[in-house]
Amino acid sequence: MIKKIIISSIILSFVFFPFIINAKVTGGGGSTNLNNPLGETKDIPVLIGIITKAILGIVGSLALLMFVYGGVLWMTSAGNDQRVQTGKNTLMWAAIGLAVIFASYAIIQLIFSGLGVG
């Protein structure tokens, strides 16, 4: 149980740490104005595109973590056939997930270019 909590907190820190670092206070003399990360965009399709790209980036990072996990599992199996198979399956499903991520990105880009958004 404690192992799952530690692994979950490490994964969440990788996901949310860049957003924490990016939140910076600008202005001088005690001003606490934050920059709008979306800019002056008020267009809904552009906003949806930005959010979709951010989500796909996070999912791609998770796929990379699964590749690393599967590789470590396979390399540390010490001849245990069950762990070797688990590592291979993890790598295979991570590759399939990455293909789905790339395909969804291509489909989204096709739809947005057809709508003339981006």
Protein backbone atom coordinates (compact mmCIF):
# COMPACT_ATOMS: atom_id res chain seq x y z
CA MET A 1 0.00 0.00 0.00
CA ILE A 2 2.74 2.46 0.94
CA LYS A 3 4.59 1.55 -2.25
CA LYS A 4 1.58 2.56 -4.36
CA ILE A 5 1.30 5.88 -2.51
CA ILE A 6 4.99 6.66 -3.08
CA ILE A 7 4.84 5.74 -6.78
CA SER A 8 1.64 7.76 -7.25
CA SER A 9 3.12 10.80 -5.57
CA ILE A 10 6.26 10.59 -7.72
CA ILE A 11 4.19 10.35 -10.91
CA LEU A 12 1.97 13.25 -9.84
CA SER A 13 5.01 15.36 -9.03
CA PHE A 14 6.32 14.79 -12.58
CA VAL A 15 2.93 15.81 -13.97
CA PHE A 16 2.31 18.93 -11.86
CA PHE A 17 5.85 20.18 -11.16
CA PRO A 18 6.22 22.00 -14.53
CA PHE A 19 2.97 23.87 -13.90
CA ILE A 20 4.14 24.95 -10.44
CA ILE A 21 7.45 26.19 -11.83
CA ASN A 22 5.69 28.07 -14.65
CA ALA A 23 3.42 30.03 -12.25
CA LYS A 24 5.51 33.12 -11.67
CA VAL A 25 4.62 36.48 -10.23
CA THR A 26 5.29 39.43 -12.51
CA GLY A 27 5.21 43.15 -11.94
CA GLY A 28 7.08 45.32 -9.51
CA GLY A 29 6.47 47.00 -6.20
CA GLY A 30 4.43 44.30 -4.50
CA SER A 31 2.17 43.64 -7.46
CA THR A 32 0.91 40.07 -7.63
CA ASN A 33 -0.42 39.98 -11.18
CA LEU A 34 -0.04 36.60 -12.88
CA ASN A 35 0.40 36.30 -16.61
CA ASN A 36 -2.43 34.59 -18.43
CA PRO A 37 -0.89 31.40 -19.90
CA LEU A 38 -3.52 31.39 -22.66
CA GLY A 39 -2.67 34.90 -23.81
CA GLU A 40 -5.45 37.10 -25.10
CA THR A 41 -7.20 34.19 -26.82
CA LYS A 42 -10.97 34.34 -26.55
CA ASP A 43 -11.67 31.92 -29.36
CA ILE A 44 -13.18 28.63 -28.13
CA PRO A 45 -11.62 26.37 -30.83
CA VAL A 46 -8.16 27.82 -30.14
CA LEU A 47 -8.66 27.28 -26.40
CA ILE A 48 -9.77 23.68 -27.03
CA GLY A 49 -6.68 23.14 -29.20
CA ILE A 50 -4.38 24.43 -26.47
CA ILE A 51 -6.01 22.24 -23.83
CA THR A 52 -5.93 19.19 -26.12
CA LYS A 53 -2.22 19.66 -26.86
CA ALA A 54 -1.50 19.98 -23.15
CA ILE A 55 -3.42 16.78 -22.37
CA LEU A 56 -1.67 14.91 -25.17
CA GLY A 57 1.68 16.11 -23.81
CA ILE A 58 0.86 14.78 -20.35
CA VAL A 59 -0.32 11.46 -21.78
CA GLY A 60 2.85 11.23 -23.87
CA SER A 61 4.91 11.76 -20.71
CA LEU A 62 3.01 8.97 -19.01
CA ALA A 63 3.73 6.70 -21.99
CA LEU A 64 7.43 7.50 -21.61
CA LEU A 65 7.24 6.58 -17.92
CA MET A 66 5.62 3.27 -18.88
CA PHE A 67 8.48 2.57 -21.31
CA VAL A 68 10.98 3.20 -18.54
CA TYR A 69 9.00 1.06 -16.08
CA GLY A 70 8.70 -1.83 -18.54
CA GLY A 71 12.40 -1.64 -19.40
CA VAL A 72 13.45 -1.60 -15.76
CA LEU A 73 11.10 -4.48 -14.99
CA TRP A 74 12.52 -6.52 -17.84
CA MET A 75 16.17 -5.71 -17.06
CA THR A 76 15.79 -6.51 -13.35
CA SER A 77 13.88 -9.74 -13.87
CA ALA A 78 16.98 -11.87 -13.12
CA GLY A 79 15.72 -14.69 -15.31
CA ASN A 80 12.21 -14.78 -13.83
CA ASP A 81 10.04 -15.64 -16.85
CA GLN A 82 6.92 -14.04 -15.38
CA ARG A 83 8.66 -10.68 -14.83
CA VAL A 84 10.23 -10.84 -18.31
CA GLN A 85 6.80 -11.39 -19.82
CA THR A 86 5.30 -8.59 -17.71
CA GLY A 87 8.06 -6.22 -18.86
CA LYS A 88 7.54 -7.17 -22.50
CA ASN A 89 3.79 -6.70 -22.20
CA THR A 90 4.28 -3.30 -20.56
CA LEU A 91 6.58 -2.20 -23.38
CA MET A 92 4.19 -3.52 -26.02
CA TRP A 93 1.15 -1.76 -24.53
CA ALA A 94 3.13 1.45 -24.04
CA ALA A 95 4.07 1.35 -27.74
CA ILE A 96 0.42 0.78 -28.70
CA GLY A 97 -0.61 3.66 -26.41
CA LEU A 98 1.99 5.92 -27.99
CA ALA A 99 0.66 5.02 -31.46
CA VAL A 100 -2.85 5.90 -30.30
CA ILE A 101 -1.57 9.22 -28.92
CA PHE A 102 0.13 10.08 -32.23
CA ALA A 103 -2.97 9.04 -34.19
CA SER A 104 -5.25 11.15 -32.00
CA TYR A 105 -2.93 14.13 -32.40
CA ALA A 106 -2.97 13.70 -36.18
CA ILE A 107 -6.78 13.43 -36.22
CA ILE A 108 -7.15 16.53 -34.05
CA GLN A 109 -4.75 18.48 -36.28
CA LEU A 110 -6.70 17.35 -39.36
CA ILE A 111 -10.01 18.44 -37.84
CA PHE A 112 -8.65 21.82 -36.73
CA SER A 113 -6.99 22.49 -40.08
CA GLY A 114 -10.29 21.61 -41.78
CA LEU A 115 -12.07 24.12 -39.55
CA GLY A 116 -9.37 26.68 -40.30
CA VAL A 117 -8.39 27.04 -36.65
CA GLY A 118 -4.73 26.25 -36.57
